[in-house]
Amino acid sequence: SVENFLRAKAHYLLRGPLKGRDAVFVWGAGLMGKRLSKHLLRLDAPLVAFVDIDPRKIGRTRRRKPIIAAEQLPDWWARYRNPVLLSAVGSRGARPLIRARLQELGLIEGEDWWAAA
C-alpha cells in the first residue's frame, strides 16, 4: 500500500539523508507532505516546519508545526547547524519548480535536500 511505502521511505530516510540532522523541513503541506510527515514524526525525526507556496496554508500549522512561506526558508534554515529539506509534493510539474527555488537559495540536491514524493 502507499502507506506502507511511505513508512518504509521514512525509515530509510532517517538512516540515510536525515541521519545526524538537527532540523527537517518538509516542502509541501498538502496530502503527500502530511502523509510522509506522520511517519517521520513517529520515528522521532526533528521536523521543524513545512514550507508551502499556497497562501491559504501559510501561517497555519500541520502536525503542530508551522507552515512557512518559501521566502521565509532562509531565515529558518539559518537557525540550525545541520538542516535538511524533503520535497513532498506530488503534483505534476512541481519538482522542477521546487528545484529551481532551492537552487536560487544555494541548496544542493542530494546534500541539502531530497525529493521524497
PDB file of N, CA and C in Angstrom:
ATOM      1  N   SER A   1       0.843  -1.186   0.000  1.00  0.00           N
ATOM      2  CA  SER A   1       0.000   0.000   0.000  1.00  0.00           C
ATOM      3  C   SER A   1       0.886   1.247   0.000  1.00  0.00           C
ATOM      4  N   VAL A   2       0.301   2.354  -0.360  1.00  0.00           N
ATOM      5  CA  VAL A   2       1.030   3.631  -0.343  1.00  0.00           C
ATOM      6  C   VAL A   2       1.495   3.944   1.070  1.00  0.00           C
ATOM      7  N   GLU A   3       0.650   3.654   2.039  1.00  0.00           N
ATOM      8  CA  GLU A   3       1.003   3.943   3.436  1.00  0.00           C
ATOM      9  C   GLU A   3       2.223   3.142   3.878  1.00  0.00           C
ATOM     10  N   ASN A   4       2.279   1.883   3.523  1.00  0.00           N
ATOM     11  CA  ASN A   4       3.441   1.064   3.872  1.00  0.00           C
ATOM     12  C   ASN A   4       4.685   1.537   3.136  1.00  0.00           C
ATOM     13  N   PHE A   5       4.528   1.973   1.896  1.00  0.00           N
ATOM     14  CA  PHE A   5       5.652   2.504   1.139  1.00  0.00           C
ATOM     15  C   PHE A   5       6.206   3.757   1.822  1.00  0.00           C
ATOM     16  N   LEU A   6       5.326   4.649   2.262  1.00  0.00           N
ATOM     17  CA  LEU A   6       5.767   5.865   2.961  1.00  0.00           C
ATOM     18  C   LEU A   6       6.428   5.532   4.298  1.00  0.00           C
ATOM     19  N   ARG A   7       5.909   4.532   4.973  1.00  0.00           N
ATOM     20  CA  ARG A   7       6.512   4.087   6.238  1.00  0.00           C
ATOM     21  C   ARG A   7       7.941   3.611   5.998  1.00  0.00           C
ATOM     22  N   ALA A   8       8.130   2.811   4.956  1.00  0.00           N
ATOM     23  CA  ALA A   8       9.471   2.317   4.622  1.00  0.00           C
ATOM     24  C   ALA A   8      10.368   3.466   4.171  1.00  0.00           C
ATOM     25  N   LYS A   9       9.825   4.389   3.400  1.00  0.00           N
ATOM     26  CA  LYS A   9      10.602   5.533   2.931  1.00  0.00           C
ATOM     27  C   LYS A   9      11.113   6.353   4.120  1.00  0.00           C
ATOM     28  N   ALA A  10      10.230   6.622   5.085  1.00  0.00           N
ATOM     29  CA  ALA A  10      10.624   7.380   6.275  1.00  0.00           C
ATOM     30  C   ALA A  10      11.717   6.643   7.036  1.00  0.00           C
ATOM     31  N   HIS A  11      11.558   5.348   7.170  1.00  0.00           N
ATOM     32  CA  HIS A  11      12.546   4.517   7.872  1.00  0.00           C
ATOM     33  C   HIS A  11      13.935   4.689   7.246  1.00  0.00           C
ATOM     34  N   TYR A  12      14.015   4.569   5.934  1.00  0.00           N
ATOM     35  CA  TYR A  12      15.317   4.638   5.262  1.00  0.00           C
ATOM     36  C   TYR A  12      15.837   6.065   5.121  1.00  0.00           C
ATOM     37  N   LEU A  13      14.953   7.032   5.031  1.00  0.00           N
ATOM     38  CA  LEU A  13      15.408   8.425   5.023  1.00  0.00           C
ATOM     39  C   LEU A  13      16.109   8.763   6.339  1.00  0.00           C
ATOM     40  N   LEU A  14      15.563   8.283   7.448  1.00  0.00           N
ATOM     41  CA  LEU A  14      16.165   8.562   8.753  1.00  0.00           C
ATOM     42  C   LEU A  14      17.509   7.871   8.943  1.00  0.00           C
ATOM     43  N   ARG A  15      17.729   6.799   8.249  1.00  0.00           N
ATOM     44  CA  ARG A  15      19.002   6.091   8.352  1.00  0.00           C
ATOM     45  C   ARG A  15      20.006   6.545   7.300  1.00  0.00           C
ATOM     46  N   GLY A  16      19.546   7.351   6.372  1.00  0.00           N
ATOM     47  CA  GLY A  16      20.408   7.859   5.298  1.00  0.00           C
ATOM     48  C   GLY A  16      20.510   9.379   5.347  1.00  0.00           C
ATOM     49  N   PRO A  17      19.808  10.073   4.448  1.00  0.00           N
ATOM     50  CA  PRO A  17      19.931  11.525   4.327  1.00  0.00           C
ATOM     51  C   PRO A  17      19.591  12.326   5.578  1.00  0.00           C
ATOM     52  N   LEU A  18      18.743  11.796   6.450  1.00  0.00           N
ATOM     53  CA  LEU A  18      18.345  12.549   7.645  1.00  0.00           C
ATOM     54  C   LEU A  18      19.196  12.238   8.867  1.00  0.00           C
ATOM     55  N   LYS A  19      20.072  11.263   8.756  1.00  0.00           N
ATOM     56  CA  LYS A  19      20.902  10.866   9.900  1.00  0.00           C
ATOM     57  C   LYS A  19      21.809  12.020  10.318  1.00  0.00           C
ATOM     58  N   GLY A  20      21.780  12.342  11.606  1.00  0.00           N
ATOM     59  CA  GLY A  20      22.626  13.389  12.149  1.00  0.00           C
ATOM     60  C   GLY A  20      22.122  14.799  11.899  1.00  0.00           C
ATOM     61  N   ARG A  21      20.941  14.950  11.343  1.00  0.00           N
ATOM     62  CA  ARG A  21      20.387  16.280  11.071  1.00  0.00           C
ATOM     63  C   ARG A  21      19.685  16.808  12.312  1.00  0.00           C
ATOM     64  N   ASP A  22      19.784  18.115  12.507  1.00  0.00           N
ATOM     65  CA  ASP A  22      19.124  18.703  13.670  1.00  0.00           C
ATOM     66  C   ASP A  22      17.801  19.374  13.322  1.00  0.00           C
ATOM     67  N   ALA A  23      17.453  19.417  12.033  1.00  0.00           N
ATOM     68  CA  ALA A  23      16.186  20.001  11.611  1.00  0.00           C
ATOM     69  C   ALA A  23      15.786  19.428  10.262  1.00  0.00           C
ATOM     70  N   VAL A  24      14.506  19.085  10.162  1.00  0.00           N
ATOM     71  CA  VAL A  24      13.947  18.612   8.895  1.00  0.00           C
ATOM     72  C   VAL A  24      12.820  19.552   8.505  1.00  0.00           C
ATOM     73  N   PHE A  25      12.886  20.040   7.274  1.00  0.00           N
ATOM     74  CA  PHE A  25      11.819  20.831   6.677  1.00  0.00           C
ATOM     75  C   PHE A  25      11.147  19.958   5.628  1.00  0.00           C
ATOM     76  N   VAL A  26       9.835  20.023   5.544  1.00  0.00           N
ATOM     77  CA  VAL A  26       9.101  19.316   4.505  1.00  0.00           C
ATOM     78  C   VAL A  26       8.466  20.363   3.602  1.00  0.00           C
ATOM     79  N   TRP A  27       8.896  20.373   2.333  1.00  0.00           N
ATOM     80  CA  TRP A  27       8.281  21.286   1.370  1.00  0.00           C
ATOM     81  C   TRP A  27       7.032  20.596   0.863  1.00  0.00           C
ATOM     82  N   GLY A  28       5.896  21.130   1.230  1.00  0.00           N
ATOM     83  CA  GLY A  28       4.614  20.578   0.831  1.00  0.00           C
ATOM     84  C   GLY A  28       3.770  20.267   2.045  1.00  0.00           C
ATOM     85  N   ALA A  29       2.782  21.116   2.303  1.00  0.00           N
ATOM     86  CA  ALA A  29       1.888  20.903   3.439  1.00  0.00           C
ATOM     87  C   ALA A  29       0.572  20.273   2.987  1.00  0.00           C
ATOM     88  N   GLY A  30       0.572  19.732   1.781  1.00  0.00           N
ATOM     89  CA  GLY A  30      -0.616  19.065   1.263  1.00  0.00           C
ATOM     90  C   GLY A  30      -0.651  17.609   1.670  1.00  0.00           C
ATOM     91  N   LEU A  31      -1.372  16.826   0.893  1.00  0.00           N
ATOM     92  CA  LEU A  31      -1.599  15.418   1.239  1.00  0.00           C
ATOM     93  C   LEU A  31      -0.298  14.626   1.362  1.00  0.00           C
ATOM     94  N   MET A  32       0.591  14.751   0.392  1.00  0.00           N
ATOM     95  CA  MET A  32       1.824  13.959   0.424  1.00  0.00           C
ATOM     96  C   MET A  32       2.715  14.358   1.606  1.00  0.00           C
ATOM     97  N   GLY A  33       2.881  15.650   1.835  1.00  0.00           N
ATOM     98  CA  GLY A  33       3.679  16.109   2.970  1.00  0.00           C
ATOM     99  C   GLY A  33       3.083  15.681   4.294  1.00  0.00           C
ATOM    100  N   LYS A  34       1.776  15.731   4.377  1.00  0.00           N
ATOM    101  CA  LYS A  34       1.093  15.319   5.601  1.00  0.00           C
ATOM    102  C   LYS A  34       1.306  13.828   5.860  1.00  0.00           C
ATOM    103  N   ARG A  35       1.180  13.027   4.825  1.00  0.00           N
ATOM    104  CA  ARG A  35       1.321  11.581   4.994  1.00  0.00           C
ATOM    105  C   ARG A  35       2.757  11.188   5.330  1.00  0.00           C
ATOM    106  N   LEU A  36       3.720  11.771   4.622  1.00  0.00           N
ATOM    107  CA  LEU A  36       5.117  11.454   4.906  1.00  0.00           C
ATOM    108  C   LEU A  36       5.521  11.930   6.299  1.00  0.00           C
ATOM    109  N   SER A  37       5.094  13.135   6.663  1.00  0.00           N
ATOM    110  CA  SER A  37       5.477  13.691   7.968  1.00  0.00           C
ATOM    111  C   SER A  37       4.966  12.841   9.121  1.00  0.00           C
ATOM    112  N   LYS A  38       3.821  12.212   8.952  1.00  0.00           N
ATOM    113  CA  LYS A  38       3.276  11.337  10.003  1.00  0.00           C
ATOM    114  C   LYS A  38       4.286  10.246  10.346  1.00  0.00           C
ATOM    115  N   HIS A  39       4.846   9.631   9.328  1.00  0.00           N
ATOM    116  CA  HIS A  39       5.796   8.546   9.555  1.00  0.00           C
ATOM    117  C   HIS A  39       7.143   9.069  10.061  1.00  0.00           C
ATOM    118  N   LEU A  40       7.558  10.217   9.576  1.00  0.00           N
ATOM    119  CA  LEU A  40       8.809  10.815  10.064  1.00  0.00           C
ATOM    120  C   LEU A  40       8.700  11.124  11.557  1.00  0.00           C
ATOM    121  N   LEU A  41       7.587  11.720  11.956  1.00  0.00           N
ATOM    122  CA  LEU A  41       7.412  12.074  13.364  1.00  0.00           C
ATOM    123  C   LEU A  41       7.295  10.844  14.250  1.00  0.00           C
ATOM    124  N   ARG A  42       6.660   9.799  13.760  1.00  0.00           N
ATOM    125  CA  ARG A  42       6.568   8.560  14.539  1.00  0.00           C
ATOM    126  C   ARG A  42       7.944   7.970  14.816  1.00  0.00           C
ATOM    127  N   LEU A  43       8.900   8.280  13.930  1.00  0.00           N
ATOM    128  CA  LEU A  43      10.272   7.783  14.093  1.00  0.00           C
ATOM    129  C   LEU A  43      11.192   8.839  14.724  1.00  0.00           C
ATOM    130  N   ASP A  44      10.586   9.881  15.287  1.00  0.00           N
ATOM    131  CA  ASP A  44      11.307  10.943  16.008  1.00  0.00           C
ATOM    132  C   ASP A  44      12.213  11.792  15.131  1.00  0.00           C
ATOM    133  N   ALA A  45      11.842  12.014  13.888  1.00  0.00           N
ATOM    134  CA  ALA A  45      12.595  12.942  13.037  1.00  0.00           C
ATOM    135  C   ALA A  45      12.438  14.351  13.611  1.00  0.00           C
ATOM    136  N   PRO A  46      13.484  15.165  13.544  1.00  0.00           N
ATOM    137  CA  PRO A  46      13.411  16.529  14.082  1.00  0.00           C
ATOM    138  C   PRO A  46      12.712  17.494  13.114  1.00  0.00           C
ATOM    139  N   LEU A  47      11.458  17.207  12.805  1.00  0.00           N
ATOM    140  CA  LEU A  47      10.678  18.050  11.900  1.00  0.00           C
ATOM    141  C   LEU A  47      10.393  19.384  12.573  1.00  0.00           C
ATOM    142  N   VAL A  48      10.764  20.479  11.890  1.00  0.00           N
ATOM    143  CA  VAL A  48      10.579  21.799  12.499  1.00  0.00           C
ATOM    144  C   VAL A  48       9.525  22.639  11.795  1.00  0.00           C
ATOM    145  N   ALA A  49       9.329  22.419  10.481  1.00  0.00           N
ATOM    146  CA  ALA A  49       8.352  23.244   9.759  1.00  0.00           C
ATOM    147  C   ALA A  49       8.053  22.646   8.397  1.00  0.00           C
ATOM    148  N   PHE A  50       6.914  23.065   7.867  1.00  0.00           N
ATOM    149  CA  PHE A  50       6.540  22.782   6.491  1.00  0.00           C
ATOM    150  C   PHE A  50       6.754  24.056   5.691  1.00  0.00           C
ATOM    151  N   VAL A  51       7.083  23.896   4.428  1.00  0.00           N
ATOM    152  CA  VAL A  51       7.227  25.027   3.510  1.00  0.00           C
ATOM    153  C   VAL A  51       6.156  24.860   2.443  1.00  0.00           C
ATOM    154  N   ASP A  52       5.473  25.941   2.102  1.00  0.00           N
ATOM    155  CA  ASP A  52       4.450  25.857   1.068  1.00  0.00           C
ATOM    156  C   ASP A  52       4.337  27.206   0.359  1.00  0.00           C
ATOM    157  N   ILE A  53       3.731  27.161  -0.829  1.00  0.00           N
ATOM    158  CA  ILE A  53       3.519  28.401  -1.587  1.00  0.00           C
ATOM    159  C   ILE A  53       2.055  28.815  -1.596  1.00  0.00           C
ATOM    160  N   ASP A  54       1.182  27.985  -1.046  1.00  0.00           N
ATOM    161  CA  ASP A  54      -0.249  28.273  -1.020  1.00  0.00           C
ATOM    162  C   ASP A  54      -0.551  29.265   0.104  1.00  0.00           C
ATOM    163  N   PRO A  55      -0.982  30.480  -0.241  1.00  0.00           N
ATOM    164  CA  PRO A  55      -1.237  31.484   0.803  1.00  0.00           C
ATOM    165  C   PRO A  55      -2.306  31.057   1.803  1.00  0.00           C
ATOM    166  N   ARG A  56      -3.182  30.120   1.415  1.00  0.00           N
ATOM    167  CA  ARG A  56      -4.213  29.642   2.349  1.00  0.00           C
ATOM    168  C   ARG A  56      -3.629  28.749   3.430  1.00  0.00           C
ATOM    169  N   LYS A  57      -2.462  28.164   3.186  1.00  0.00           N
ATOM    170  CA  LYS A  57      -1.827  27.276   4.161  1.00  0.00           C
ATOM    171  C   LYS A  57      -0.800  28.010   5.025  1.00  0.00           C
ATOM    172  N   ILE A  58      -0.118  28.979   4.435  1.00  0.00           N
ATOM    173  CA  ILE A  58       0.945  29.701   5.146  1.00  0.00           C
ATOM    174  C   ILE A  58       0.382  30.397   6.382  1.00  0.00           C
ATOM    175  N   GLY A  59       1.086  30.234   7.496  1.00  0.00           N
ATOM    176  CA  GLY A  59       0.647  30.815   8.758  1.00  0.00           C
ATOM    177  C   GLY A  59      -0.163  29.848   9.610  1.00  0.00           C
ATOM    178  N   ARG A  60      -0.543  28.738   9.023  1.00  0.00           N
ATOM    179  CA  ARG A  60      -1.266  27.710   9.763  1.00  0.00           C
ATOM    180  C   ARG A  60      -0.277  26.686  10.298  1.00  0.00           C
ATOM    181  N   THR A  61      -0.787  25.593  10.802  1.00  0.00           N
ATOM    182  CA  THR A  61       0.080  24.512  11.273  1.00  0.00           C
ATOM    183  C   THR A  61      -0.372  23.196  10.650  1.00  0.00           C
ATOM    184  N   ARG A  62       0.560  22.276  10.608  1.00  0.00           N
ATOM    185  CA  ARG A  62       0.303  20.902  10.171  1.00  0.00           C
ATOM    186  C   ARG A  62       1.077  20.038  11.150  1.00  0.00           C
ATOM    187  N   ARG A  63       0.412  19.120  11.789  1.00  0.00           N
ATOM    188  CA  ARG A  63       1.043  18.258  12.798  1.00  0.00           C
ATOM    189  C   ARG A  63       1.777  19.085  13.877  1.00  0.00           C
ATOM    190  N   ARG A  64       1.149  20.194  14.242  1.00  0.00           N
ATOM    191  CA  ARG A  64       1.661  21.111  15.274  1.00  0.00           C
ATOM    192  C   ARG A  64       2.960  21.808  14.880  1.00  0.00           C
ATOM    193  N   LYS A  65       3.270  21.813  13.611  1.00  0.00           N
ATOM    194  CA  LYS A  65       4.461  22.502  13.098  1.00  0.00           C
ATOM    195  C   LYS A  65       3.995  23.641  12.202  1.00  0.00           C
ATOM    196  N   PRO A  66       4.712  24.766  12.203  1.00  0.00           N
ATOM    197  CA  PRO A  66       4.284  25.896  11.385  1.00  0.00           C
ATOM    198  C   PRO A  66       4.438  25.617   9.888  1.00  0.00           C
ATOM    199  N   ILE A  67       3.556  26.214   9.124  1.00  0.00           N
ATOM    200  CA  ILE A  67       3.666  26.198   7.663  1.00  0.00           C
ATOM    201  C   ILE A  67       4.182  27.577   7.274  1.00  0.00           C
ATOM    202  N   ILE A  68       5.387  27.604   6.716  1.00  0.00           N
ATOM    203  CA  ILE A  68       6.030  28.869   6.378  1.00  0.00           C
ATOM    204  C   ILE A  68       6.052  29.065   4.859  1.00  0.00           C
ATOM    205  N   ALA A  69       6.196  30.307   4.450  1.00  0.00           N
ATOM    206  CA  ALA A  69       6.329  30.637   3.029  1.00  0.00           C
ATOM    207  C   ALA A  69       7.743  30.302   2.574  1.00  0.00           C
ATOM    208  N   ALA A  70       7.885  30.023   1.296  1.00  0.00           N
ATOM    209  CA  ALA A  70       9.208  29.720   0.739  1.00  0.00           C
ATOM    210  C   ALA A  70      10.193  30.856   1.013  1.00  0.00           C
ATOM    211  N   GLU A  71       9.705  32.071   1.016  1.00  0.00           N
ATOM    212  CA  GLU A  71      10.569  33.234   1.268  1.00  0.00           C
ATOM    213  C   GLU A  71      11.120  33.253   2.690  1.00  0.00           C
ATOM    214  N   GLN A  72      10.480  32.568   3.600  1.00  0.00           N
ATOM    215  CA  GLN A  72      10.922  32.514   4.995  1.00  0.00           C
ATOM    216  C   GLN A  72      11.978  31.437   5.230  1.00  0.00           C
ATOM    217  N   LEU A  73      12.129  30.529   4.289  1.00  0.00           N
ATOM    218  CA  LEU A  73      13.020  29.391   4.492  1.00  0.00           C
ATOM    219  C   LEU A  73      14.456  29.794   4.837  1.00  0.00           C
ATOM    220  N   PRO A  74      15.079  30.768   4.157  1.00  0.00           N
ATOM    221  CA  PRO A  74      16.465  31.103   4.513  1.00  0.00           C
ATOM    222  C   PRO A  74      16.640  31.496   5.986  1.00  0.00           C
ATOM    223  N   ASP A  75      15.708  32.270   6.525  1.00  0.00           N
ATOM    224  CA  ASP A  75      15.806  32.671   7.935  1.00  0.00           C
ATOM    225  C   ASP A  75      15.667  31.475   8.862  1.00  0.00           C
ATOM    226  N   TRP A  76      14.727  30.602   8.551  1.00  0.00           N
ATOM    227  CA  TRP A  76      14.546  29.397   9.367  1.00  0.00           C
ATOM    228  C   TRP A  76      15.747  28.476   9.224  1.00  0.00           C
ATOM    229  N   TRP A  77      16.238  28.312   8.026  1.00  0.00           N
ATOM    230  CA  TRP A  77      17.376  27.415   7.744  1.00  0.00           C
ATOM    231  C   TRP A  77      18.592  27.828   8.569  1.00  0.00           C
ATOM    232  N   ALA A  78      18.809  29.119   8.679  1.00  0.00           N
ATOM    233  CA  ALA A  78      19.980  29.654   9.381  1.00  0.00           C
ATOM    234  C   ALA A  78      19.946  29.386  10.888  1.00  0.00           C
ATOM    235  N   ARG A  79      18.823  29.012  11.414  1.00  0.00           N
ATOM    236  CA  ARG A  79      18.701  28.745  12.855  1.00  0.00           C
ATOM    237  C   ARG A  79      19.336  27.422  13.269  1.00  0.00           C
ATOM    238  N   TYR A  80      19.646  26.570  12.306  1.00  0.00           N
ATOM    239  CA  TYR A  80      20.095  25.221  12.613  1.00  0.00           C
ATOM    240  C   TYR A  80      21.497  24.957  12.083  1.00  0.00           C
ATOM    241  N   ARG A  81      22.182  24.062  12.739  1.00  0.00           N
ATOM    242  CA  ARG A  81      23.555  23.708  12.378  1.00  0.00           C
ATOM    243  C   ARG A  81      23.604  22.803  11.147  1.00  0.00           C
ATOM    244  N   ASN A  82      22.668  21.843  11.064  1.00  0.00           N
ATOM    245  CA  ASN A  82      22.734  20.837  10.012  1.00  0.00           C
ATOM    246  C   ASN A  82      21.321  20.470   9.514  1.00  0.00           C
ATOM    247  N   PRO A  83      20.619  21.434   8.903  1.00  0.00           N
ATOM    248  CA  PRO A  83      19.248  21.173   8.454  1.00  0.00           C
ATOM    249  C   PRO A  83      19.199  20.411   7.132  1.00  0.00           C
ATOM    250  N   VAL A  84      18.027  19.881   6.838  1.00  0.00           N
ATOM    251  CA  VAL A  84      17.775  19.187   5.583  1.00  0.00           C
ATOM    252  C   VAL A  84      16.324  19.455   5.184  1.00  0.00           C
ATOM    253  N   LEU A  85      16.061  19.386   3.891  1.00  0.00           N
ATOM    254  CA  LEU A  85      14.707  19.592   3.399  1.00  0.00           C
ATOM    255  C   LEU A  85      14.292  18.403   2.542  1.00  0.00           C
ATOM    256  N   LEU A  86      13.051  17.978   2.717  1.00  0.00           N
ATOM    257  CA  LEU A  86      12.459  16.944   1.878  1.00  0.00           C
ATOM    258  C   LEU A  86      11.335  17.577   1.077  1.00  0.00           C
ATOM    259  N   SER A  87      11.373  17.429  -0.218  1.00  0.00           N
ATOM    260  CA  SER A  87      10.293  17.889  -1.077  1.00  0.00           C
ATOM    261  C   SER A  87       9.256  16.779  -1.139  1.00  0.00           C
ATOM    262  N   ALA A  88       8.037  17.079  -0.715  1.00  0.00           N
ATOM    263  CA  ALA A  88       6.981  16.069  -0.675  1.00  0.00           C
ATOM    264  C   ALA A  88       5.729  16.618  -1.344  1.00  0.00           C
ATOM    265  N   VAL A  89       5.870  16.970  -2.616  1.00  0.00           N
ATOM    266  CA  VAL A  89       4.755  17.493  -3.405  1.00  0.00           C
ATOM    267  C   VAL A  89       4.543  16.544  -4.566  1.00  0.00           C
ATOM    268  N   GLY A  90       3.349  15.991  -4.652  1.00  0.00           N
ATOM    269  CA  GLY A  90       3.068  15.010  -5.684  1.00  0.00           C
ATOM    270  C   GLY A  90       2.498  15.579  -6.969  1.00  0.00           C
ATOM    271  N   SER A  91       2.278  16.873  -7.025  1.00  0.00           N
ATOM    272  CA  SER A  91       1.680  17.482  -8.217  1.00  0.00           C
ATOM    273  C   SER A  91       2.625  17.405  -9.403  1.00  0.00           C
ATOM    274  N   ARG A  92       2.069  17.081 -10.551  1.00  0.00           N
ATOM    275  CA  ARG A  92       2.855  17.010 -11.785  1.00  0.00           C
ATOM    276  C   ARG A  92       3.473  18.378 -12.073  1.00  0.00           C
ATOM    277  N   GLY A  93       4.756  18.386 -12.340  1.00  0.00           N
ATOM    278  CA  GLY A  93       5.462  19.616 -12.675  1.00  0.00           C
ATOM    279  C   GLY A  93       5.994  20.402 -11.492  1.00  0.00           C
ATOM    280  N   ALA A  94       5.680  19.963 -10.273  1.00  0.00           N
ATOM    281  CA  ALA A  94       6.113  20.706  -9.087  1.00  0.00           C
ATOM    282  C   ALA A  94       7.606  20.557  -8.822  1.00  0.00           C
ATOM    283  N   ARG A  95       8.167  19.386  -9.092  1.00  0.00           N
ATOM    284  CA  ARG A  95       9.568  19.135  -8.741  1.00  0.00           C
ATOM    285  C   ARG A  95      10.533  20.124  -9.423  1.00  0.00           C
ATOM    286  N   PRO A  96      10.413  20.398 -10.720  1.00  0.00           N
ATOM    287  CA  PRO A  96      11.337  21.366 -11.326  1.00  0.00           C
ATOM    288  C   PRO A  96      11.191  22.775 -10.740  1.00  0.00           C
ATOM    289  N   LEU A  97       9.981  23.150 -10.373  1.00  0.00           N
ATOM    290  CA  LEU A  97       9.776  24.476  -9.775  1.00  0.00           C
ATOM    291  C   LEU A  97      10.415  24.560  -8.394  1.00  0.00           C
ATOM    292  N   ILE A  98      10.245  23.515  -7.599  1.00  0.00           N
ATOM    293  CA  ILE A  98      10.852  23.472  -6.264  1.00  0.00           C
ATOM    294  C   ILE A  98      12.368  23.429  -6.405  1.00  0.00           C
ATOM    295  N   ARG A  99      12.862  22.617  -7.327  1.00  0.00           N
ATOM    296  CA  ARG A  99      14.307  22.520  -7.563  1.00  0.00           C
ATOM    297  C   ARG A  99      14.889  23.900  -7.888  1.00  0.00           C
ATOM    298  N   ALA A 100      14.225  24.649  -8.749  1.00  0.00           N
ATOM    299  CA  ALA A 100      14.706  25.984  -9.126  1.00  0.00           C
ATOM    300  C   ALA A 100      14.733  26.922  -7.924  1.00  0.00           C
ATOM    301  N   ARG A 101      13.688  26.879  -7.101  1.00  0.00           N
ATOM    302  CA  ARG A 101      13.648  27.750  -5.905  1.00  0.00           C
ATOM    303  C   ARG A 101      14.779  27.409  -4.937  1.00  0.00           C
ATOM    304  N   LEU A 102      15.007  26.112  -4.738  1.00  0.00           N
ATOM    305  CA  LEU A 102      16.045  25.702  -3.799  1.00  0.00           C
ATOM    306  C   LEU A 102      17.439  26.001  -4.348  1.00  0.00           C
ATOM    307  N   GLN A 103      17.618  25.893  -5.653  1.00  0.00           N
ATOM    308  CA  GLN A 103      18.903  26.256  -6.253  1.00  0.00           C
ATOM    309  C   GLN A 103      19.165  27.751  -6.089  1.00  0.00           C
ATOM    310  N   GLU A 104      18.121  28.564  -6.226  1.00  0.00           N
ATOM    311  CA  GLU A 104      18.258  30.010  -6.006  1.00  0.00           C
ATOM    312  C   GLU A 104      18.750  30.309  -4.588  1.00  0.00           C
ATOM    313  N   LEU A 105      18.358  29.460  -3.644  1.00  0.00           N
ATOM    314  CA  LEU A 105      18.776  29.637  -2.245  1.00  0.00           C
ATOM    315  C   LEU A 105      20.161  29.038  -1.973  1.00  0.00           C
ATOM    316  N   GLY A 106      20.733  28.415  -2.989  1.00  0.00           N
ATOM    317  CA  GLY A 106      22.057  27.827  -2.827  1.00  0.00           C
ATOM    318  C   GLY A 106      22.045  26.438  -2.211  1.00  0.00           C
ATOM    319  N   LEU A 107      20.872  25.820  -2.144  1.00  0.00           N
ATOM    320  CA  LEU A 107      20.781  24.475  -1.575  1.00  0.00           C
ATOM    321  C   LEU A 107      21.081  23.443  -2.655  1.00  0.00           C
ATOM    322  N   ILE A 108      21.800  22.418  -2.277  1.00  0.00           N
ATOM    323  CA  ILE A 108      22.288  21.414  -3.219  1.00  0.00           C
ATOM    324  C   ILE A 108      21.469  20.137  -3.082  1.00  0.00           C
ATOM    325  N   GLU A 109      20.903  19.701  -4.199  1.00  0.00           N
ATOM    326  CA  GLU A 109      20.135  18.462  -4.216  1.00  0.00           C
ATOM    327  C   GLU A 109      21.042  17.287  -3.921  1.00  0.00           C
ATOM    328  N   GLY A 110      20.604  16.396  -3.060  1.00  0.00           N
ATOM    329  CA  GLY A 110      21.409  15.240  -2.688  1.00  0.00           C
ATOM    330  C   GLY A 110      22.363  15.534  -1.540  1.00  0.00           C
ATOM    331  N   GLU A 111      22.392  16.775  -1.101  1.00  0.00           N
ATOM    332  CA  GLU A 111      23.230  17.155   0.045  1.00  0.00           C
ATOM    333  C   GLU A 111      22.388  17.925   1.083  1.00  0.00           C
ATOM    334  N   ASP A 112      21.703  18.953   0.618  1.00  0.00           N
ATOM    335  CA  ASP A 112      20.848  19.768   1.486  1.00  0.00           C
ATOM    336  C   ASP A 112      19.389  19.374   1.401  1.00  0.00           C
ATOM    337  N   TRP A 113      19.017  18.782   0.263  1.00  0.00           N
ATOM    338  CA  TRP A 113      17.605  18.438   0.097  1.00  0.00           C
ATOM    339  C   TRP A 113      17.445  17.232  -0.834  1.00  0.00           C
ATOM    340  N   TRP A 114      16.305  16.557  -0.639  1.00  0.00           N
ATOM    341  CA  TRP A 114      15.944  15.385  -1.449  1.00  0.00           C
ATOM    342  C   TRP A 114      14.488  15.474  -1.833  1.00  0.00           C
ATOM    343  N   ALA A 115      14.170  14.987  -3.019  1.00  0.00           N
ATOM    344  CA  ALA A 115      12.774  14.838  -3.436  1.00  0.00           C
ATOM    345  C   ALA A 115      12.277  13.515  -2.860  1.00  0.00           C
ATOM    346  N   ALA A 116      11.203  13.572  -2.098  1.00  0.00           N
ATOM    347  CA  ALA A 116      10.717  12.373  -1.411  1.00  0.00           C
ATOM    348  C   ALA A 116       9.306  11.999  -1.857  1.00  0.00           C
ATOM    349  N   ALA A 117       8.822  12.630  -2.918  1.00  0.00           N
ATOM    350  CA  ALA A 117       7.466  12.305  -3.420  1.00  0.00           C
ATOM    351  C   ALA A 117       7.553  11.937  -4.881  1.00  0.00           C
TER     352      ALA A 117
END
